[in-house]
């Protein structure tokens, strides 16, 4: 269970004594009423009604009758099927802000996952091709989940399952053998991709080229020296290129385990499947029939006995279990692969692996860009040669950010490193724009919206953090939680900020439970909006300014400011995004 402040924890512990529900269930169910007048916490009594066989209204009334003020909770009032709790706001604010100051960079973290391991498969591009914009979502969602689960105490293992096997590499080997002499020196990824596109286009109407590619891949599978040497060269060139782009994004991995890693494990798995009767021949191919589970058969081996991706997926899952005995294995892969993972999980289940249900397909929608000429949103295709390159997208974001930085030099200050700030803001804008959208939805990038300092964007959140840092610098005094008195924070907007800060650990847990980094991104947008409203109010009314004439009140408000700053920084860090101190 997530670590909570003691007042909230007191409510949960009291409820466990009153109701036949687990602490975790109650923690998940406890919510914030829509209006502050209704209370500070609310529990819907519907889950308890099922257990107690009583109307939820009656349960709420009984809870209200049995309640006695304690632990910073002043009152419990029945409102229909809800029991609403009113807390001692001064005590609550002191608890929340003191904990933020005490925990610092670890506020929002917990020890839920101690002794448990989460394996996360993310990015996983094919070698010999540029990283396209369609690779972005898997990489940044996967890394954000890695950060989130690590913050919750899980041991995380990040795996990049490179696509380095399959008939596509037969095409590339055949293309290189045909036209490699035309290249000027050693090939880079651009040259390899051009060869692949050229061969693919010509092979569409040429059966001989199609057969030549199949023959080349068969040579690779059989370990023919020339084919293997070319394949190794393609891998080396690709990995160097990938790591350069990953470095720009701040993304790394614990292990690279390409598809080819499992080649020597395929035959034993196929033999087990055949001996058990799970795998059968169908039209000369080897399959696992899944029709009784309303799924098409899982194809394991083609009629020419060539290996397939699904077979290596089964091998990889078994290997990961043997090596890590994971609590969960997350596969951050696009939604178009939903059926594939349903088939793989069912196959593992039929193979007798009781850990099959620990495999989670963290699917996501497409990433699209508006075509400036047509206005239509589109993706790209490697085969047709019009894929949007991730490096070009990142450079475009940085160039847009450079222009914004130059426009605002009088505000940002000329002592800043313009290039460093442009890189931070530009790349972060792209990442935040993606991560703020629920992962099931398609993402359509809009440069103007992403880089708007006033909209729901990454630069807006980063700017909020920088502005908070600026307020603290202008104060010219240290934030001291030992002497600051949170009881002086009496404005409704201040209480709203305290409540929002208190919710952060629960949001982090929700992001992990739902595999949704967007929960954190949208929380940050809301927190920044609340602070902006509060700060703007002080610009109009002197007595509501953070830097005010009353030194005690100013100390309390600076404590609140620093706590908001701390939460924004922690939230951005979980998303893999930098929090600049100046902008």
Protein backbone atom coordinates (compact mmCIF):
# COMPACT_ATOMS: atom_id res chain seq x y z
CA UNK A 1 0.00 0.00 0.00
CA UNK A 2 1.18 3.52 -0.79
CA UNK A 3 2.66 5.56 1.99
CA UNK A 4 0.14 8.19 3.08
CA UNK A 5 0.03 11.10 5.46
CA UNK A 6 -1.07 10.11 8.95
CA UNK A 7 -4.47 11.87 8.84
CA UNK A 8 -5.48 9.99 5.72
CA UNK A 9 -3.96 6.85 7.18
CA UNK A 10 -5.95 7.35 10.38
CA UNK A 11 -9.17 7.47 8.34
CA UNK A 12 -8.26 4.28 6.49
CA UNK A 13 -7.32 2.43 9.68
CA UNK A 14 -10.55 3.50 11.36
CA UNK A 15 -12.55 2.33 8.34
CA UNK A 16 -10.86 -1.11 8.39
CA UNK A 17 -12.19 -1.51 11.93
CA UNK A 18 -15.71 -0.64 10.78
CA UNK A 19 -15.96 -2.40 7.42
CA UNK A 20 -15.04 -5.85 6.01
CA UNK A 21 -12.71 -4.31 3.41
CA UNK A 22 -8.93 -4.44 2.97
CA UNK A 23 -6.76 -1.37 3.55
CA UNK A 24 -5.73 -1.27 -0.10
CA UNK A 25 -9.35 -1.35 -1.25
CA UNK A 26 -10.24 1.50 1.08
CA UNK A 27 -7.18 3.49 0.05
CA UNK A 28 -8.16 3.15 -3.61
CA UNK A 29 -11.78 4.08 -2.89
CA UNK A 30 -11.13 7.15 -0.72
CA UNK A 31 -11.69 10.23 -2.86
CA UNK A 32 -11.97 14.00 -2.72
CA UNK A 33 -15.52 15.43 -2.66
CA UNK A 34 -16.44 17.71 -5.58
CA UNK A 35 -16.88 20.70 -3.24
CA UNK A 36 -14.67 21.63 -0.25
CA UNK A 37 -17.85 22.36 1.73
CA UNK A 38 -18.73 18.68 1.56
CA UNK A 39 -15.53 17.60 3.27
CA UNK A 40 -11.92 16.72 2.60
CA UNK A 41 -12.24 12.97 2.02
CA UNK A 42 -15.20 10.87 0.96
CA UNK A 43 -15.79 7.13 0.92
CA UNK A 44 -18.49 5.70 -1.37
CA UNK A 45 -20.15 2.86 0.55
CA UNK A 46 -21.17 0.76 -2.46
CA UNK A 47 -18.34 -1.85 -2.11
CA UNK A 48 -19.20 -2.29 1.59
CA UNK A 49 -22.89 -2.66 0.71
CA UNK A 50 -22.13 -5.82 -1.26
CA UNK A 51 -20.23 -7.32 1.65
CA UNK A 52 -22.67 -6.29 4.40
CA UNK A 53 -25.87 -6.78 2.39
CA UNK A 54 -27.07 -3.35 3.46
CA UNK A 55 -28.02 -0.20 1.52
CA UNK A 56 -24.99 2.12 1.14
CA UNK A 57 -26.98 4.99 2.70
CA UNK A 58 -27.49 2.95 5.85
CA UNK A 59 -23.80 2.09 6.05
CA UNK A 60 -22.85 5.76 5.71
CA UNK A 61 -25.24 6.71 8.52
CA UNK A 62 -23.89 3.98 10.81
CA UNK A 63 -20.31 5.07 10.14
CA UNK A 64 -21.22 8.67 10.93
CA UNK A 65 -22.89 7.59 14.18
CA UNK A 66 -19.89 5.51 15.27
CA UNK A 67 -17.26 8.16 14.45
CA UNK A 68 -15.41 10.02 17.21
CA UNK A 69 -12.97 12.90 16.41
CA UNK A 70 -9.33 11.76 16.55
CA UNK A 71 -6.07 11.77 14.62
CA UNK A 72 -6.67 15.16 13.00
CA UNK A 73 -10.13 14.18 11.72
CA UNK A 74 -12.79 16.45 13.15
CA UNK A 75 -16.03 15.17 11.71
CA UNK A 76 -17.62 12.40 9.61
CA UNK A 77 -20.94 13.21 7.95
CA UNK A 78 -23.23 10.91 5.97
CA UNK A 79 -24.25 12.32 2.59
CA UNK A 80 -26.47 9.77 0.89
CA UNK A 81 -24.30 6.72 0.05
CA UNK A 82 -21.11 8.61 1.02
CA UNK A 83 -19.37 9.21 4.33
CA UNK A 84 -17.53 12.55 4.20
CA UNK A 85 -14.62 13.36 6.51
CA UNK A 86 -13.60 16.87 7.60
CA UNK A 87 -9.99 17.25 8.76
CA UNK A 88 -8.15 19.75 10.93
CA UNK A 89 -6.74 21.81 8.07
CA UNK A 90 -3.87 23.38 10.04
CA UNK A 91 -2.67 19.97 11.23
CA UNK A 92 -3.13 18.52 7.75
CA UNK A 93 -1.14 21.32 6.07
CA UNK A 94 1.67 20.90 8.58
CA UNK A 95 1.84 17.16 7.92
CA UNK A 96 1.80 17.51 4.13
CA UNK A 97 4.34 20.33 3.80
CA UNK A 98 6.65 18.89 6.46
CA UNK A 99 6.72 15.59 4.66
CA UNK A 100 7.50 17.22 1.31
CA UNK A 101 10.41 19.06 2.90
CA UNK A 102 11.62 15.95 4.69
CA UNK A 103 11.40 13.63 1.67
CA UNK A 104 12.60 16.10 -0.94
CA UNK A 105 13.43 14.29 -4.18
CA UNK A 106 11.76 11.12 -2.90
CA UNK A 107 8.38 12.68 -2.09
CA UNK A 108 5.85 10.55 -3.94
CA UNK A 109 8.03 7.45 -3.66
CA UNK A 110 7.08 4.34 -1.68
CA UNK A 111 8.28 0.85 -0.85
CA UNK A 112 5.40 -1.07 -2.41
CA UNK A 113 7.63 -3.19 -4.58
CA UNK A 114 10.34 -4.25 -2.16
CA UNK A 115 11.58 -7.70 -3.10
CA UNK A 116 9.66 -7.70 -6.39
CA UNK A 117 10.93 -7.25 -9.92
CA UNK A 118 9.31 -5.65 -12.98
CA UNK A 119 10.72 -6.38 -16.44
CA UNK A 120 9.89 -3.71 -19.01
CA UNK A 121 10.34 -4.29 -22.74
CA UNK A 122 10.35 -0.95 -24.56
CA UNK A 123 11.52 0.73 -27.76
CA UNK A 124 12.68 -2.47 -29.53
CA UNK A 125 13.24 -1.11 -33.06
CA UNK A 126 14.43 -3.06 -36.07
CA UNK A 127 18.12 -2.70 -36.91
CA UNK A 128 19.37 -1.28 -40.19
CA UNK A 129 16.68 1.39 -40.14
CA UNK A 130 16.53 4.86 -38.67
CA UNK A 131 14.52 5.37 -35.53
CA UNK A 132 11.27 6.75 -36.85
CA UNK A 133 8.84 8.99 -35.06
CA UNK A 134 6.63 5.93 -34.52
CA UNK A 135 9.35 4.56 -32.21
CA UNK A 136 8.98 7.49 -29.82
CA UNK A 137 5.93 6.36 -27.88
CA UNK A 138 7.25 2.97 -26.83
CA UNK A 139 10.58 4.45 -25.75
CA UNK A 140 9.27 7.31 -23.60
CA UNK A 141 6.25 5.48 -22.15
CA UNK A 142 8.48 2.53 -21.27
CA UNK A 143 11.14 4.69 -19.64
CA UNK A 144 8.51 6.65 -17.69
CA UNK A 145 7.05 3.39 -16.36
CA UNK A 146 10.56 2.27 -15.46
CA UNK A 147 11.02 5.46 -13.43
CA UNK A 148 7.59 5.17 -11.80
CA UNK A 149 7.97 1.55 -10.74
CA UNK A 150 11.49 2.20 -9.49
CA UNK A 151 10.14 5.07 -7.37
CA UNK A 152 7.62 2.66 -5.85
CA UNK A 153 10.39 0.34 -4.70
CA UNK A 154 10.36 -2.26 -7.47
CA UNK A 155 13.57 -3.53 -8.98
CA UNK A 156 13.20 -2.70 -12.67
CA UNK A 157 14.90 -4.31 -15.64
CA UNK A 158 14.67 -2.33 -18.87
CA UNK A 159 15.08 -4.45 -22.00
CA UNK A 160 15.49 -3.36 -25.60
CA UNK A 161 14.40 -6.36 -27.66
CA UNK A 162 16.01 -5.36 -30.94
CA UNK A 163 14.50 -6.70 -34.13
CA UNK A 164 17.52 -8.24 -35.79
CA UNK A 165 16.01 -11.35 -37.33
CA UNK A 166 13.44 -12.25 -39.97
CA UNK A 167 12.94 -12.24 -43.73
CA UNK A 168 13.46 -8.47 -43.89
CA UNK A 169 17.14 -9.06 -43.26
CA UNK A 170 17.18 -11.40 -46.22
CA UNK A 171 16.11 -8.43 -48.31
CA UNK A 172 18.86 -6.25 -46.86
CA UNK A 173 21.58 -8.88 -47.35
CA UNK A 174 20.44 -9.48 -50.92
CA UNK A 175 20.29 -5.72 -51.56
CA UNK A 176 23.78 -5.15 -50.17
CA UNK A 177 25.21 -8.00 -52.20
CA UNK A 178 23.63 -6.52 -55.35
CA UNK A 179 24.35 -2.82 -54.84
CA UNK A 180 26.77 -2.50 -51.91
CA UNK A 181 29.67 -1.74 -54.27
CA UNK A 182 27.86 1.44 -55.33
CA UNK A 183 28.20 2.90 -51.82
CA UNK A 184 30.91 5.41 -50.99
CA UNK A 185 32.78 3.75 -48.10
CA UNK A 186 31.24 1.94 -45.15
CA UNK A 187 27.44 2.19 -44.99
CA UNK A 188 25.54 4.13 -42.35
CA UNK A 189 21.94 3.58 -41.36
CA UNK A 190 20.76 5.95 -44.11
CA UNK A 191 22.50 3.90 -46.78
CA UNK A 192 21.18 0.63 -45.36
CA UNK A 193 17.65 1.99 -45.24
CA UNK A 194 17.90 3.26 -48.82
CA UNK A 195 19.02 -0.19 -49.93
CA UNK A 196 16.09 -1.77 -48.10
CA UNK A 197 13.57 0.63 -49.65
CA UNK A 198 15.06 0.20 -53.12
CA UNK A 199 14.96 -3.59 -52.89
CA UNK A 200 11.44 -3.64 -51.42
CA UNK A 201 10.06 -1.51 -54.22
CA UNK A 202 11.67 -3.58 -56.97
CA UNK A 203 10.73 -6.88 -55.31
CA UNK A 204 7.03 -5.98 -55.26
CA UNK A 205 6.71 -6.95 -58.94
CA UNK A 206 9.66 -9.33 -59.20
CA UNK A 207 9.21 -12.90 -57.84
CA UNK A 208 12.91 -13.60 -58.45
CA UNK A 209 13.95 -10.83 -56.08
CA UNK A 210 11.48 -12.10 -53.49
CA UNK A 211 12.98 -15.57 -53.72
CA UNK A 212 16.52 -14.15 -53.60
CA UNK A 213 15.66 -12.43 -50.29
CA UNK A 214 14.22 -15.66 -48.87
CA UNK A 215 17.35 -17.52 -49.91
CA UNK A 216 19.56 -14.87 -48.29
CA UNK A 217 17.71 -15.16 -44.99
CA UNK A 218 17.96 -18.94 -45.11
CA UNK A 219 21.72 -18.58 -45.55
CA UNK A 220 21.78 -16.37 -42.46
CA UNK A 221 19.77 -18.92 -40.47
CA UNK A 222 22.18 -21.64 -41.52
CA UNK A 223 25.18 -19.57 -40.38
CA UNK A 224 26.72 -18.97 -43.80
CA UNK A 225 29.80 -16.81 -43.11
CA UNK A 226 29.29 -13.99 -45.63
CA UNK A 227 25.65 -13.51 -44.62
CA UNK A 228 26.51 -13.49 -40.92
CA UNK A 229 29.32 -10.94 -41.39
CA UNK A 230 26.98 -8.57 -43.20
CA UNK A 231 24.32 -9.02 -40.54
CA UNK A 232 26.85 -8.27 -37.76
CA UNK A 233 27.92 -5.11 -39.61
CA UNK A 234 24.31 -3.98 -39.89
CA UNK A 235 23.79 -4.48 -36.14
CA UNK A 236 26.91 -2.54 -35.15
CA UNK A 237 26.05 0.44 -37.35
CA UNK A 238 22.46 0.47 -36.10
CA UNK A 239 23.24 0.30 -32.41
CA UNK A 240 25.64 3.23 -32.63
CA UNK A 241 22.93 5.29 -34.29
CA UNK A 242 20.21 4.20 -31.83
CA UNK A 243 22.26 5.07 -28.78
CA UNK A 244 22.97 8.55 -30.11
CA UNK A 245 19.21 9.26 -30.37
CA UNK A 246 18.45 7.59 -27.04
CA UNK A 247 21.02 9.89 -25.43
CA UNK A 248 19.16 12.96 -26.74
CA UNK A 249 15.96 11.61 -25.18
CA UNK A 250 17.68 10.64 -21.91
CA UNK A 251 16.63 7.00 -22.38
CA UNK A 252 18.71 3.98 -21.48
CA UNK A 253 18.31 0.25 -20.96
CA UNK A 254 19.70 -2.38 -18.63
CA UNK A 255 19.97 -4.97 -21.37
CA UNK A 256 19.85 -5.34 -25.13
CA UNK A 257 18.49 -8.78 -25.98
CA UNK A 258 17.90 -9.00 -29.73
CA UNK A 259 15.62 -11.56 -31.33
CA UNK A 260 18.63 -13.54 -32.52
CA UNK A 261 19.61 -14.15 -28.87
CA UNK A 262 16.89 -16.80 -28.74
CA UNK A 263 17.77 -18.68 -31.92
CA UNK A 264 19.34 -21.61 -30.09
CA UNK A 265 16.34 -21.83 -27.77
CA UNK A 266 13.73 -22.16 -30.50
CA UNK A 267 14.12 -25.84 -31.37
CA UNK A 268 13.77 -27.15 -27.79
CA UNK A 269 10.59 -25.09 -27.34
CA UNK A 270 9.14 -26.37 -30.62
CA UNK A 271 9.93 -29.95 -29.64
CA UNK A 272 8.17 -29.52 -26.29
CA UNK A 273 5.15 -28.03 -28.00
CA UNK A 274 4.97 -30.89 -30.50
CA UNK A 275 5.48 -33.58 -27.86
CA UNK A 276 2.75 -32.10 -25.66
CA UNK A 277 0.33 -31.99 -28.57
CA UNK A 278 -0.15 -28.24 -28.30
CA UNK A 279 1.53 -27.58 -31.66
CA UNK A 280 0.13 -29.16 -34.81
CA UNK A 281 0.74 -29.08 -38.54
CA UNK A 282 -1.64 -26.96 -40.56
CA UNK A 283 -1.08 -26.51 -44.30
CA UNK A 284 2.57 -27.54 -43.78
CA UNK A 285 3.06 -24.85 -41.10
CA UNK A 286 3.34 -25.46 -37.35
CA UNK A 287 0.67 -23.73 -35.27
CA UNK A 288 -0.98 -23.72 -31.86
CA UNK A 289 -4.75 -23.88 -32.53
CA UNK A 290 -6.61 -21.26 -30.46
CA UNK A 291 -10.06 -21.36 -32.07
CA UNK A 292 -11.75 -22.51 -28.85
CA UNK A 293 -10.49 -19.26 -27.30
CA UNK A 294 -11.93 -17.19 -30.17
CA UNK A 295 -8.50 -16.48 -31.61
CA UNK A 296 -6.79 -17.51 -34.83
CA UNK A 297 -3.96 -20.06 -34.54
CA UNK A 298 -0.56 -18.89 -33.35
CA UNK A 299 1.88 -19.49 -36.19
CA UNK A 300 5.17 -20.93 -34.91
CA UNK A 301 6.98 -22.14 -38.02
CA UNK A 302 6.44 -21.60 -41.73
CA UNK A 303 6.13 -24.38 -44.26
CA UNK A 304 9.81 -23.90 -45.17
CA UNK A 305 10.65 -24.36 -41.44
CA UNK A 306 11.71 -20.75 -41.09
CA UNK A 307 11.35 -19.38 -37.54
CA UNK A 308 8.80 -16.73 -36.69
CA UNK A 309 8.51 -13.81 -34.28
CA UNK A 310 5.91 -15.56 -32.10
CA UNK A 311 8.24 -18.50 -31.48
CA UNK A 312 11.00 -16.20 -30.30
CA UNK A 313 8.45 -14.35 -28.16
CA UNK A 314 7.66 -17.60 -26.30
CA UNK A 315 11.38 -18.28 -25.84
CA UNK A 316 11.98 -14.75 -24.59
CA UNK A 317 9.15 -14.94 -22.06
CA UNK A 318 10.45 -18.25 -20.66
CA UNK A 319 13.98 -16.90 -20.50
CA UNK A 320 12.87 -13.76 -18.69
CA UNK A 321 10.95 -15.78 -16.14
CA UNK A 322 13.91 -18.12 -15.56
CA UNK A 323 16.27 -15.17 -15.12
CA UNK A 324 14.10 -12.68 -13.22
CA UNK A 325 11.01 -14.42 -11.77
CA UNK A 326 9.21 -11.18 -12.43
CA UNK A 327 6.26 -9.76 -10.53
CA UNK A 328 5.20 -8.31 -13.87
CA UNK A 329 6.57 -8.31 -17.40
CA UNK A 330 5.44 -5.23 -19.32
CA UNK A 331 5.57 -5.12 -23.10
CA UNK A 332 5.26 -1.50 -24.24
CA UNK A 333 4.15 -2.17 -27.79
CA UNK A 334 1.58 -0.53 -30.09
CA UNK A 335 -2.09 -1.45 -29.96
CA UNK A 336 -1.92 -3.10 -33.38
CA UNK A 337 -0.13 -6.01 -31.66
CA UNK A 338 -2.99 -6.68 -29.23
CA UNK A 339 -4.02 -9.98 -30.81
CA UNK A 340 -0.40 -11.16 -30.93
CA UNK A 341 0.05 -10.72 -27.18
CA UNK A 342 -3.31 -12.32 -26.43
CA UNK A 343 -2.17 -15.35 -28.43
CA UNK A 344 1.25 -15.46 -26.78
CA UNK A 345 -0.21 -15.22 -23.26
CA UNK A 346 -2.72 -17.98 -24.01
CA UNK A 347 0.03 -20.16 -25.49
CA UNK A 348 2.18 -19.70 -22.37
CA UNK A 349 -0.83 -20.53 -20.22
CA UNK A 350 -1.48 -23.73 -22.20
CA UNK A 351 2.20 -24.61 -21.79
CA UNK A 352 1.57 -24.73 -18.04
CA UNK A 353 3.21 -21.46 -17.03
CA UNK A 354 1.22 -20.10 -14.09
CA UNK A 355 3.08 -16.79 -14.50
CA UNK A 356 1.50 -16.11 -17.91
CA UNK A 357 -1.04 -13.76 -16.32
CA UNK A 358 1.85 -11.58 -15.10
CA UNK A 359 2.54 -10.55 -18.67
CA UNK A 360 0.97 -7.19 -19.52
CA UNK A 361 0.69 -5.68 -22.96
CA UNK A 362 0.98 -1.93 -22.37
CA UNK A 363 -0.52 -0.86 -25.68
CA UNK A 364 -0.70 2.62 -27.14
CA UNK A 365 -2.16 4.49 -30.09
CA UNK A 366 -0.45 5.83 -33.17
CA UNK A 367 1.73 8.91 -33.30
CA UNK A 368 0.89 11.23 -36.18
CA UNK A 369 2.05 14.53 -37.59
CA UNK A 370 0.07 17.06 -39.57
CA UNK A 371 1.29 17.34 -43.14
CA UNK A 372 1.95 21.09 -43.61
CA UNK A 373 0.75 20.91 -47.24
CA UNK A 374 -2.44 18.90 -46.84
CA UNK A 375 -3.25 19.45 -43.15
CA UNK A 376 -3.86 15.71 -42.83
CA UNK A 377 -2.40 13.71 -39.95
CA UNK A 378 -0.24 10.85 -41.08
CA UNK A 379 2.33 8.31 -40.00
CA UNK A 380 5.23 7.16 -42.13
CA UNK A 381 6.24 3.91 -43.80
CA UNK A 382 9.77 2.57 -43.96
CA UNK A 383 8.91 0.39 -46.92
CA UNK A 384 7.65 3.28 -49.03
CA UNK A 385 10.52 5.49 -47.86
CA UNK A 386 8.45 8.34 -46.39
CA UNK A 387 8.86 7.63 -42.70
CA UNK A 388 9.26 10.65 -40.41
CA UNK A 389 12.67 10.33 -38.78
CA UNK A 390 12.80 10.75 -35.01
CA UNK A 391 16.03 12.74 -35.20
CA UNK A 392 14.40 15.22 -37.60
CA UNK A 393 11.42 15.60 -35.26
CA UNK A 394 13.68 16.23 -32.26
CA UNK A 395 15.78 18.75 -34.18
CA UNK A 396 12.61 20.52 -35.33
CA UNK A 397 11.46 20.74 -31.73
CA UNK A 398 14.81 22.17 -30.64
CA UNK A 399 14.81 24.69 -33.49
CA UNK A 400 11.31 25.86 -32.56
CA UNK A 401 12.48 26.16 -28.95
CA UNK A 402 15.55 28.17 -30.00
CA UNK A 403 13.26 30.69 -31.68
CA UNK A 404 11.11 30.93 -28.54
CA UNK A 405 14.16 31.39 -26.33
CA UNK A 406 15.50 34.19 -28.55
CA UNK A 407 12.13 35.94 -28.47
CA UNK A 408 12.19 35.94 -24.69
CA UNK A 409 15.83 36.73 -23.93
CA UNK A 410 14.87 39.88 -22.05
CA UNK A 411 12.75 37.74 -19.73
CA UNK A 412 14.87 34.63 -19.48
CA UNK A 413 18.16 36.48 -19.04
CA UNK A 414 21.10 36.62 -21.40
CA UNK A 415 23.34 34.72 -19.02
CA UNK A 416 21.51 31.46 -19.81
CA UNK A 417 22.99 28.82 -22.11
CA UNK A 418 20.66 29.37 -25.07
CA UNK A 419 21.50 26.09 -26.78
CA UNK A 420 21.18 24.01 -23.63
CA UNK A 421 17.82 25.56 -22.76
CA UNK A 422 16.52 25.13 -26.32
CA UNK A 423 17.52 21.47 -26.27
CA UNK A 424 15.88 20.91 -22.88
CA UNK A 425 12.65 22.68 -23.79
CA UNK A 426 12.38 21.36 -27.35
CA UNK A 427 12.89 17.69 -26.54
CA UNK A 428 10.83 17.91 -23.35
CA UNK A 429 7.97 19.53 -25.26
CA UNK A 430 7.81 16.55 -27.61
CA UNK A 431 7.98 14.05 -24.78
CA UNK A 432 5.41 15.80 -22.59
CA UNK A 433 3.01 16.25 -25.50
CA UNK A 434 3.01 12.49 -25.93
CA UNK A 435 2.99 11.54 -22.26
CA UNK A 436 0.10 13.86 -21.39
CA UNK A 437 -2.22 11.91 -23.71
CA UNK A 438 -3.79 8.68 -22.47
CA UNK A 439 -1.72 6.02 -24.12
CA UNK A 440 -4.65 4.31 -25.91
CA UNK A 441 -5.31 7.46 -27.92
CA UNK A 442 -3.53 8.53 -31.07
CA UNK A 443 -1.20 11.51 -30.61
CA UNK A 444 -1.19 14.29 -33.18
CA UNK A 445 1.71 16.69 -32.75
CA UNK A 446 1.24 20.42 -33.19
CA UNK A 447 4.43 22.48 -32.83
CA UNK A 448 2.68 25.70 -31.81
CA UNK A 449 0.64 23.96 -29.13
CA UNK A 450 3.55 21.96 -27.76
CA UNK A 451 5.82 24.97 -27.35
CA UNK A 452 3.16 27.31 -25.99
CA UNK A 453 4.25 28.55 -22.55
CA UNK A 454 0.61 29.26 -21.70
CA UNK A 455 -1.07 26.06 -22.86
CA UNK A 456 -1.25 22.54 -21.46
CA UNK A 457 2.30 21.74 -22.54
CA UNK A 458 5.69 20.66 -21.29
CA UNK A 459 7.19 24.17 -21.55
CA UNK A 460 4.28 25.50 -19.48
CA UNK A 461 5.10 23.06 -16.65
CA UNK A 462 8.83 23.71 -16.96
CA UNK A 463 8.20 27.46 -16.91
CA UNK A 464 6.06 27.08 -13.79
CA UNK A 465 8.97 25.31 -12.09
CA UNK A 466 11.39 28.06 -13.18
CA UNK A 467 9.02 30.76 -11.93
CA UNK A 468 8.75 29.06 -8.53
CA UNK A 469 12.54 28.97 -8.35
CA UNK A 470 12.60 32.68 -9.23
CA UNK A 471 10.18 33.50 -6.39
CA UNK A 472 12.39 31.64 -3.93
CA UNK A 473 15.48 33.48 -5.19
CA UNK A 474 13.76 36.86 -4.89
CA UNK A 475 12.73 36.07 -1.31
CA UNK A 476 16.38 36.13 -0.28
CA UNK A 477 15.70 33.81 2.66
CA UNK A 478 15.83 30.08 3.27
CA UNK A 479 12.68 28.00 3.51
CA UNK A 480 12.57 26.69 7.07
CA UNK A 481 9.90 24.05 7.80
CA UNK A 482 10.87 24.13 11.49
CA UNK A 483 9.83 27.77 11.97
CA UNK A 484 7.24 28.31 9.22
CA UNK A 485 3.66 27.95 10.46
CA UNK A 486 1.35 26.29 7.88
CA UNK A 487 -1.66 27.24 10.04
CA UNK A 488 -1.28 30.75 8.58
CA UNK A 489 -2.21 29.42 5.12
CA UNK A 490 -5.91 30.29 5.38
CA UNK A 491 -6.80 31.25 1.82
CA UNK A 492 -9.02 28.72 -0.05
CA UNK A 493 -6.45 28.67 -2.88
CA UNK A 494 -3.71 27.75 -0.42
CA UNK A 495 -5.79 24.89 0.96
CA UNK A 496 -6.46 23.71 -2.59
CA UNK A 497 -2.72 23.61 -3.27
CA UNK A 498 -2.03 21.70 -0.04
CA UNK A 499 -4.68 19.12 -1.01
CA UNK A 500 -3.23 18.83 -4.49
CA UNK A 501 0.28 18.28 -3.12
CA UNK A 502 -1.02 15.62 -0.74
CA UNK A 503 -2.52 13.71 -3.66
CA UNK A 504 0.80 13.28 -5.51
CA UNK A 505 1.85 9.92 -3.98
CA UNK A 506 -1.56 8.46 -4.85
CA UNK A 507 -1.22 9.73 -8.42
CA UNK A 508 2.16 8.02 -8.77
CA UNK A 509 0.62 4.77 -7.59
CA UNK A 510 -2.33 5.20 -9.97
CA UNK A 511 0.10 5.75 -12.85
CA UNK A 512 1.76 2.42 -12.01
CA UNK A 513 -1.51 0.54 -11.48
CA UNK A 514 -2.92 1.70 -14.82
CA UNK A 515 0.39 1.89 -16.73
CA UNK A 516 -0.52 5.52 -17.46
CA UNK A 517 2.25 8.13 -17.23
CA UNK A 518 -0.44 10.55 -18.42
CA UNK A 519 -1.86 10.49 -14.87
CA UNK A 520 1.29 12.27 -13.66
CA UNK A 521 1.49 14.64 -16.65
CA UNK A 522 -2.10 15.80 -16.23
CA UNK A 523 -1.70 16.08 -12.46
CA UNK A 524 1.23 18.45 -13.06
CA UNK A 525 -0.81 20.55 -15.46
CA UNK A 526 -3.54 20.88 -12.85
CA UNK A 527 -1.08 21.69 -10.07
CA UNK A 528 0.57 24.37 -12.20
CA UNK A 529 -2.81 25.87 -13.09
CA UNK A 530 -3.79 26.03 -9.41
CA UNK A 531 -0.53 27.72 -8.50
CA UNK A 532 -0.80 30.18 -11.40
CA UNK A 533 -4.27 31.18 -10.24
CA UNK A 534 -3.02 31.61 -6.67
CA UNK A 535 0.02 33.64 -7.69
CA UNK A 536 -2.01 35.84 -10.08
CA UNK A 537 -4.39 36.66 -7.25
CA UNK A 538 -1.45 38.03 -5.28
CA UNK A 539 -0.50 40.25 -8.20
CA UNK A 540 -3.84 42.05 -7.79
CA UNK A 541 -4.13 42.10 -4.00
CA UNK A 542 -1.05 42.95 -1.93
CA UNK A 543 -2.20 41.02 1.15
CA UNK A 544 -2.35 37.84 -0.91
CA UNK A 545 1.16 38.13 -2.34
CA UNK A 546 3.68 35.41 -1.54
CA UNK A 547 6.37 38.00 -0.79
CA UNK A 548 4.35 40.09 1.63
CA UNK A 549 4.99 42.48 4.53
CA UNK A 550 4.19 39.95 7.27
CA UNK A 551 7.41 37.89 7.75
CA UNK A 552 5.60 34.95 9.39
CA UNK A 553 2.98 34.73 6.67
CA UNK A 554 5.67 35.08 4.02
CA UNK A 555 7.60 32.18 5.60
CA UNK A 556 4.50 29.98 5.44
CA UNK A 557 3.80 30.92 1.83
CA UNK A 558 7.40 30.29 0.83
CA UNK A 559 7.10 26.85 2.39
CA UNK A 560 4.06 26.25 0.17
CA UNK A 561 5.88 27.60 -2.91
CA UNK A 562 8.88 25.37 -2.31
CA UNK A 563 6.65 22.34 -1.80
CA UNK A 564 4.86 22.96 -5.11
CA UNK A 565 8.24 23.39 -6.80
CA UNK A 566 9.46 20.12 -5.30
CA UNK A 567 6.43 18.18 -6.52
CA UNK A 568 6.66 19.59 -10.05
CA UNK A 569 10.33 18.62 -10.21
CA UNK A 570 9.65 15.11 -8.91
CA UNK A 571 6.77 14.61 -11.33
CA UNK A 572 8.79 15.77 -14.33
CA UNK A 573 11.68 13.53 -13.30
CA UNK A 574 9.37 10.52 -13.21
CA UNK A 575 8.39 11.33 -16.79
CA UNK A 576 12.05 11.57 -17.77
CA UNK A 577 11.84 15.35 -18.27
CA UNK A 578 14.17 18.02 -16.92
CA UNK A 579 12.96 20.79 -14.59
CA UNK A 580 14.98 23.95 -15.41
CA UNK A 581 15.60 26.45 -12.62
CA UNK A 582 15.61 29.34 -15.09
CA UNK A 583 13.71 29.91 -18.33
